[in-house]
Amino acid sequence: MSEATAPPFDENKLIAERREKLKALRAAGIAYPNDFQPDVFAGDLAADYADAEHWTAEALAASDHRVRLGGRLLAKRVMGKASFARLQDGTGAIQLFLRAELGDAYAAFKGWDIGDIVGVEG
């Protein structure tokens, strides 16, 4: 029984895809934005919400606390109308949950690549 091998990795195709994404960002005028200001770190946020007994689903839904977090995209799972991502900054990593109802922001998220530096708010 032979072992299935993965097709060879085409680095040129990956570079071409990244250049096309950059071209689209430049056309939109946001190729290298630097005006995003995070107001919290992932480690602090995880510590603040670590008490599962206090932060029930109802308590989280009733909270109107919004945060801005920046970091590197470590993982991304797009599953139709909902997606998950893992974002890491200098203090730790945190999981993100995104819904299709976000509209343009969700469409932009679907174009992110693993390793991208991004800013999120919610």
N, C-alpha and C. Protein backbone atom coordinates (compact mmCIF):
# COMPACT_ATOMS: atom_id res chain seq x y z
N MET A 1 0.85 -1.17 0.00
CA MET A 1 0.00 0.00 0.00
C MET A 1 0.89 1.23 0.00
N SER A 2 0.69 2.12 -0.94
CA SER A 2 1.54 3.30 -1.02
C SER A 2 0.95 4.43 -0.18
N GLU A 3 1.84 5.26 0.26
CA GLU A 3 1.44 6.39 1.10
C GLU A 3 1.14 7.59 0.21
N ALA A 4 0.03 8.26 0.44
CA ALA A 4 -0.31 9.45 -0.34
C ALA A 4 0.62 10.59 0.03
N THR A 5 1.10 11.27 -0.98
CA THR A 5 1.99 12.40 -0.72
C THR A 5 1.29 13.69 -1.10
N ALA A 6 1.62 14.72 -0.38
CA ALA A 6 1.03 16.03 -0.66
C ALA A 6 1.64 16.58 -1.94
N PRO A 7 0.84 17.32 -2.72
CA PRO A 7 1.41 17.91 -3.92
C PRO A 7 2.50 18.92 -3.54
N PRO A 8 3.46 19.13 -4.42
CA PRO A 8 4.53 20.08 -4.09
C PRO A 8 3.97 21.48 -3.84
N PHE A 9 4.57 22.16 -2.90
CA PHE A 9 4.14 23.50 -2.51
C PHE A 9 4.60 24.49 -3.57
N ASP A 10 3.69 25.28 -4.09
CA ASP A 10 4.02 26.25 -5.13
C ASP A 10 4.16 27.63 -4.49
N GLU A 11 5.39 27.98 -4.16
CA GLU A 11 5.66 29.26 -3.50
C GLU A 11 5.30 30.43 -4.40
N ASN A 12 5.50 30.30 -5.70
CA ASN A 12 5.19 31.38 -6.63
C ASN A 12 3.69 31.71 -6.61
N LYS A 13 2.86 30.68 -6.51
CA LYS A 13 1.41 30.90 -6.46
C LYS A 13 1.04 31.65 -5.18
N LEU A 14 1.63 31.26 -4.06
CA LEU A 14 1.37 31.93 -2.79
C LEU A 14 1.78 33.40 -2.85
N ILE A 15 2.95 33.66 -3.39
CA ILE A 15 3.44 35.05 -3.51
C ILE A 15 2.51 35.85 -4.41
N ALA A 16 2.07 35.25 -5.51
CA ALA A 16 1.16 35.95 -6.42
C ALA A 16 -0.16 36.27 -5.73
N GLU A 17 -0.69 35.32 -4.93
CA GLU A 17 -1.94 35.57 -4.20
C GLU A 17 -1.77 36.71 -3.21
N ARG A 18 -0.67 36.71 -2.48
CA ARG A 18 -0.41 37.77 -1.51
C ARG A 18 -0.28 39.12 -2.20
N ARG A 19 0.38 39.16 -3.34
CA ARG A 19 0.53 40.43 -4.08
C ARG A 19 -0.82 40.94 -4.57
N GLU A 20 -1.70 40.03 -4.99
CA GLU A 20 -3.04 40.44 -5.42
C GLU A 20 -3.83 41.02 -4.24
N LYS A 21 -3.69 40.40 -3.07
CA LYS A 21 -4.37 40.92 -1.88
C LYS A 21 -3.84 42.30 -1.52
N LEU A 22 -2.53 42.48 -1.61
CA LEU A 22 -1.94 43.78 -1.32
C LEU A 22 -2.40 44.82 -2.34
N LYS A 23 -2.49 44.42 -3.59
CA LYS A 23 -2.97 45.32 -4.64
C LYS A 23 -4.40 45.78 -4.34
N ALA A 24 -5.25 44.86 -3.89
CA ALA A 24 -6.63 45.21 -3.54
C ALA A 24 -6.67 46.14 -2.34
N LEU A 25 -5.82 45.90 -1.34
CA LEU A 25 -5.76 46.78 -0.17
C LEU A 25 -5.28 48.17 -0.56
N ARG A 26 -4.29 48.23 -1.43
CA ARG A 26 -3.80 49.54 -1.90
C ARG A 26 -4.89 50.29 -2.66
N ALA A 27 -5.64 49.57 -3.48
CA ALA A 27 -6.74 50.20 -4.23
C ALA A 27 -7.80 50.75 -3.28
N ALA A 28 -7.98 50.09 -2.14
CA ALA A 28 -8.95 50.56 -1.14
C ALA A 28 -8.36 51.64 -0.24
N GLY A 29 -7.05 51.89 -0.38
CA GLY A 29 -6.41 52.93 0.42
C GLY A 29 -6.04 52.50 1.83
N ILE A 30 -5.96 51.19 2.07
CA ILE A 30 -5.65 50.71 3.43
C ILE A 30 -4.52 49.69 3.43
N ALA A 31 -3.56 49.84 2.54
CA ALA A 31 -2.49 48.85 2.42
C ALA A 31 -1.68 48.70 3.70
N TYR A 32 -1.30 49.81 4.31
CA TYR A 32 -0.49 49.76 5.52
C TYR A 32 -1.06 50.70 6.57
N PRO A 33 -2.27 50.41 7.08
CA PRO A 33 -2.86 51.32 8.06
C PRO A 33 -2.07 51.29 9.37
N ASN A 34 -1.94 52.45 9.99
CA ASN A 34 -1.24 52.50 11.27
C ASN A 34 -1.99 53.35 12.29
N ASP A 35 -3.28 53.51 12.09
CA ASP A 35 -4.07 54.33 13.00
C ASP A 35 -4.87 53.50 14.01
N PHE A 36 -4.74 52.19 14.00
CA PHE A 36 -5.46 51.34 14.95
C PHE A 36 -4.74 51.37 16.29
N GLN A 37 -5.46 51.69 17.35
CA GLN A 37 -4.89 51.78 18.70
C GLN A 37 -5.54 50.75 19.61
N PRO A 38 -4.86 49.64 19.91
CA PRO A 38 -5.43 48.67 20.85
C PRO A 38 -5.56 49.28 22.24
N ASP A 39 -6.56 48.84 22.98
CA ASP A 39 -6.73 49.35 24.35
C ASP A 39 -6.63 48.24 25.39
N VAL A 40 -6.31 47.02 24.96
CA VAL A 40 -6.18 45.89 25.88
C VAL A 40 -5.22 44.87 25.27
N PHE A 41 -4.62 44.06 26.14
CA PHE A 41 -3.76 42.97 25.70
C PHE A 41 -4.49 41.65 25.90
N ALA A 42 -4.15 40.65 25.09
CA ALA A 42 -4.83 39.35 25.16
C ALA A 42 -4.69 38.71 26.53
N GLY A 43 -3.51 38.76 27.12
CA GLY A 43 -3.30 38.15 28.44
C GLY A 43 -4.16 38.80 29.50
N ASP A 44 -4.26 40.13 29.47
CA ASP A 44 -5.09 40.84 30.44
C ASP A 44 -6.57 40.52 30.24
N LEU A 45 -6.99 40.46 29.00
CA LEU A 45 -8.38 40.16 28.68
C LEU A 45 -8.75 38.74 29.14
N ALA A 46 -7.87 37.79 28.89
CA ALA A 46 -8.11 36.41 29.33
C ALA A 46 -8.19 36.33 30.85
N ALA A 47 -7.32 37.06 31.54
CA ALA A 47 -7.33 37.05 33.00
C ALA A 47 -8.60 37.70 33.55
N ASP A 48 -9.02 38.81 32.93
CA ASP A 48 -10.22 39.52 33.39
C ASP A 48 -11.48 38.68 33.26
N TYR A 49 -11.55 37.83 32.24
CA TYR A 49 -12.76 37.05 31.97
C TYR A 49 -12.57 35.57 32.30
N ALA A 50 -11.57 35.23 33.10
CA ALA A 50 -11.28 33.83 33.42
C ALA A 50 -12.30 33.20 34.37
N ASP A 51 -12.99 34.00 35.17
CA ASP A 51 -13.94 33.48 36.15
C ASP A 51 -15.23 33.04 35.44
N ALA A 52 -15.31 31.75 35.08
CA ALA A 52 -16.46 31.24 34.33
C ALA A 52 -17.75 31.30 35.13
N GLU A 53 -17.66 31.24 36.46
CA GLU A 53 -18.88 31.32 37.27
C GLU A 53 -19.48 32.72 37.21
N HIS A 54 -18.65 33.73 37.14
CA HIS A 54 -19.14 35.10 37.07
C HIS A 54 -19.55 35.48 35.64
N TRP A 55 -18.74 35.08 34.66
CA TRP A 55 -19.00 35.46 33.27
C TRP A 55 -19.77 34.37 32.54
N THR A 56 -21.04 34.23 32.89
CA THR A 56 -21.92 33.30 32.20
C THR A 56 -22.30 33.89 30.84
N ALA A 57 -22.95 33.11 30.01
CA ALA A 57 -23.38 33.60 28.70
C ALA A 57 -24.30 34.81 28.86
N GLU A 58 -25.17 34.77 29.87
CA GLU A 58 -26.09 35.89 30.10
C GLU A 58 -25.34 37.14 30.54
N ALA A 59 -24.36 36.97 31.41
CA ALA A 59 -23.57 38.11 31.89
C ALA A 59 -22.77 38.73 30.75
N LEU A 60 -22.22 37.91 29.89
CA LEU A 60 -21.47 38.43 28.75
C LEU A 60 -22.39 39.16 27.78
N ALA A 61 -23.58 38.61 27.54
CA ALA A 61 -24.53 39.25 26.63
C ALA A 61 -25.01 40.58 27.18
N ALA A 62 -25.14 40.68 28.49
CA ALA A 62 -25.61 41.92 29.11
C ALA A 62 -24.51 42.98 29.19
N SER A 63 -23.27 42.56 29.10
CA SER A 63 -22.14 43.50 29.19
C SER A 63 -22.01 44.28 27.89
N ASP A 64 -21.79 45.58 28.00
CA ASP A 64 -21.57 46.39 26.81
C ASP A 64 -20.10 46.80 26.69
N HIS A 65 -19.24 46.06 27.37
CA HIS A 65 -17.80 46.34 27.35
C HIS A 65 -17.21 45.99 25.99
N ARG A 66 -16.63 46.96 25.32
CA ARG A 66 -15.99 46.75 24.02
C ARG A 66 -14.49 46.92 24.17
N VAL A 67 -13.74 46.14 23.43
CA VAL A 67 -12.28 46.21 23.50
C VAL A 67 -11.70 46.26 22.09
N ARG A 68 -10.47 46.75 22.02
CA ARG A 68 -9.70 46.79 20.77
C ARG A 68 -8.40 46.05 21.02
N LEU A 69 -8.14 45.05 20.20
CA LEU A 69 -7.00 44.17 20.40
C LEU A 69 -6.27 44.00 19.08
N GLY A 70 -4.96 44.04 19.12
CA GLY A 70 -4.15 43.83 17.92
C GLY A 70 -3.22 42.65 18.13
N GLY A 71 -2.90 41.96 17.06
CA GLY A 71 -1.97 40.84 17.17
C GLY A 71 -1.83 40.09 15.87
N ARG A 72 -1.14 38.96 15.95
CA ARG A 72 -0.89 38.11 14.79
C ARG A 72 -1.92 36.99 14.74
N LEU A 73 -2.46 36.75 13.56
CA LEU A 73 -3.43 35.69 13.35
C LEU A 73 -2.72 34.34 13.33
N LEU A 74 -3.04 33.49 14.31
CA LEU A 74 -2.40 32.18 14.43
C LEU A 74 -3.19 31.07 13.76
N ALA A 75 -4.51 31.16 13.82
CA ALA A 75 -5.36 30.10 13.26
C ALA A 75 -6.68 30.72 12.82
N LYS A 76 -7.32 30.06 11.87
CA LYS A 76 -8.57 30.58 11.34
C LYS A 76 -9.41 29.40 10.85
N ARG A 77 -10.69 29.36 11.29
CA ARG A 77 -11.62 28.33 10.84
C ARG A 77 -12.89 29.00 10.35
N VAL A 78 -13.11 28.99 9.07
CA VAL A 78 -14.32 29.57 8.48
C VAL A 78 -15.32 28.44 8.27
N MET A 79 -16.51 28.59 8.90
CA MET A 79 -17.51 27.53 8.84
C MET A 79 -18.87 28.10 8.44
N GLY A 80 -18.95 28.67 7.27
CA GLY A 80 -20.22 29.20 6.81
C GLY A 80 -20.57 30.53 7.44
N LYS A 81 -21.60 30.53 8.32
CA LYS A 81 -22.08 31.77 8.92
C LYS A 81 -21.34 32.16 10.19
N ALA A 82 -20.48 31.30 10.68
CA ALA A 82 -19.70 31.60 11.88
C ALA A 82 -18.27 31.14 11.67
N SER A 83 -17.35 31.86 12.29
CA SER A 83 -15.93 31.51 12.17
C SER A 83 -15.23 31.74 13.49
N PHE A 84 -14.11 31.07 13.63
CA PHE A 84 -13.26 31.23 14.80
C PHE A 84 -11.86 31.58 14.34
N ALA A 85 -11.16 32.33 15.17
CA ALA A 85 -9.77 32.67 14.88
C ALA A 85 -9.02 32.75 16.20
N ARG A 86 -7.72 32.59 16.13
CA ARG A 86 -6.86 32.71 17.30
C ARG A 86 -5.89 33.84 17.02
N LEU A 87 -5.87 34.82 17.94
CA LEU A 87 -5.05 36.01 17.80
C LEU A 87 -4.06 36.07 18.96
N GLN A 88 -2.80 36.35 18.65
CA GLN A 88 -1.77 36.40 19.69
C GLN A 88 -1.07 37.75 19.67
N ASP A 89 -0.88 38.31 20.87
CA ASP A 89 -0.06 39.50 21.02
C ASP A 89 1.10 39.16 21.94
N GLY A 90 1.79 40.14 22.46
CA GLY A 90 2.96 39.90 23.30
C GLY A 90 2.66 39.31 24.66
N THR A 91 1.39 39.25 25.06
CA THR A 91 1.04 38.77 26.40
C THR A 91 0.31 37.44 26.40
N GLY A 92 -0.13 36.99 25.26
CA GLY A 92 -0.87 35.73 25.20
C GLY A 92 -1.72 35.66 23.94
N ALA A 93 -2.59 34.67 23.91
CA ALA A 93 -3.46 34.46 22.75
C ALA A 93 -4.90 34.38 23.21
N ILE A 94 -5.80 34.70 22.30
CA ILE A 94 -7.23 34.69 22.62
C ILE A 94 -8.00 34.21 21.39
N GLN A 95 -9.12 33.54 21.63
CA GLN A 95 -9.96 33.07 20.54
C GLN A 95 -10.98 34.13 20.17
N LEU A 96 -11.20 34.31 18.88
CA LEU A 96 -12.20 35.24 18.37
C LEU A 96 -13.35 34.45 17.77
N PHE A 97 -14.56 34.97 17.91
CA PHE A 97 -15.74 34.39 17.29
C PHE A 97 -16.33 35.45 16.39
N LEU A 98 -16.53 35.14 15.13
CA LEU A 98 -17.05 36.10 14.16
C LEU A 98 -18.29 35.52 13.50
N ARG A 99 -19.29 36.39 13.27
CA ARG A 99 -20.54 35.97 12.63
C ARG A 99 -20.68 36.64 11.27
N ALA A 100 -21.38 35.99 10.38
CA ALA A 100 -21.60 36.52 9.03
C ALA A 100 -22.36 37.84 9.07
N GLU A 101 -23.12 38.11 10.14
CA GLU A 101 -23.88 39.36 10.24
C GLU A 101 -22.98 40.59 10.28
N LEU A 102 -21.68 40.39 10.45
CA LEU A 102 -20.75 41.52 10.47
C LEU A 102 -20.61 42.16 9.09
N GLY A 103 -21.12 41.51 8.07
CA GLY A 103 -21.12 42.07 6.72
C GLY A 103 -19.74 42.23 6.12
N ASP A 104 -19.36 43.49 5.83
CA ASP A 104 -18.08 43.76 5.19
C ASP A 104 -16.90 43.33 6.05
N ALA A 105 -17.02 43.47 7.36
CA ALA A 105 -15.93 43.07 8.25
C ALA A 105 -15.72 41.56 8.18
N TYR A 106 -16.81 40.80 8.07
CA TYR A 106 -16.69 39.34 7.96
C TYR A 106 -16.05 38.96 6.62
N ALA A 107 -16.44 39.65 5.57
CA ALA A 107 -15.85 39.39 4.26
C ALA A 107 -14.36 39.70 4.28
N ALA A 108 -13.97 40.78 4.95
CA ALA A 108 -12.55 41.12 5.07
C ALA A 108 -11.81 40.04 5.85
N PHE A 109 -12.42 39.56 6.94
CA PHE A 109 -11.81 38.50 7.75
C PHE A 109 -11.51 37.26 6.91
N LYS A 110 -12.43 36.91 6.02
CA LYS A 110 -12.24 35.72 5.21
C LYS A 110 -11.03 35.84 4.30
N GLY A 111 -10.58 37.06 4.03
CA GLY A 111 -9.40 37.29 3.20
C GLY A 111 -8.10 37.33 3.98
N TRP A 112 -8.18 37.29 5.31
CA TRP A 112 -6.96 37.31 6.13
C TRP A 112 -6.19 36.01 5.95
N ASP A 113 -4.88 36.10 6.09
CA ASP A 113 -4.02 34.92 6.02
C ASP A 113 -3.40 34.67 7.38
N ILE A 114 -3.07 33.41 7.65
CA ILE A 114 -2.35 33.06 8.87
C ILE A 114 -1.04 33.84 8.87
N GLY A 115 -0.75 34.47 9.98
CA GLY A 115 0.47 35.27 10.09
C GLY A 115 0.25 36.75 9.91
N ASP A 116 -0.93 37.15 9.40
CA ASP A 116 -1.23 38.57 9.23
C ASP A 116 -1.30 39.27 10.59
N ILE A 117 -0.88 40.52 10.62
CA ILE A 117 -1.03 41.36 11.81
C ILE A 117 -2.34 42.12 11.62
N VAL A 118 -3.27 41.94 12.56
CA VAL A 118 -4.60 42.52 12.41
C VAL A 118 -5.04 43.21 13.70
N GLY A 119 -6.04 44.04 13.59
CA GLY A 119 -6.68 44.66 14.73
C GLY A 119 -8.15 44.29 14.73
N VAL A 120 -8.68 43.97 15.90
CA VAL A 120 -10.09 43.59 16.03
C VAL A 120 -10.75 44.41 17.13
N GLU A 121 -12.04 44.57 17.00
CA GLU A 121 -12.81 45.32 17.99
C GLU A 121 -14.12 44.60 18.22
N GLY A 122 -14.55 44.57 19.48
CA GLY A 122 -15.84 43.95 19.77
C GLY A 122 -16.05 43.79 21.25
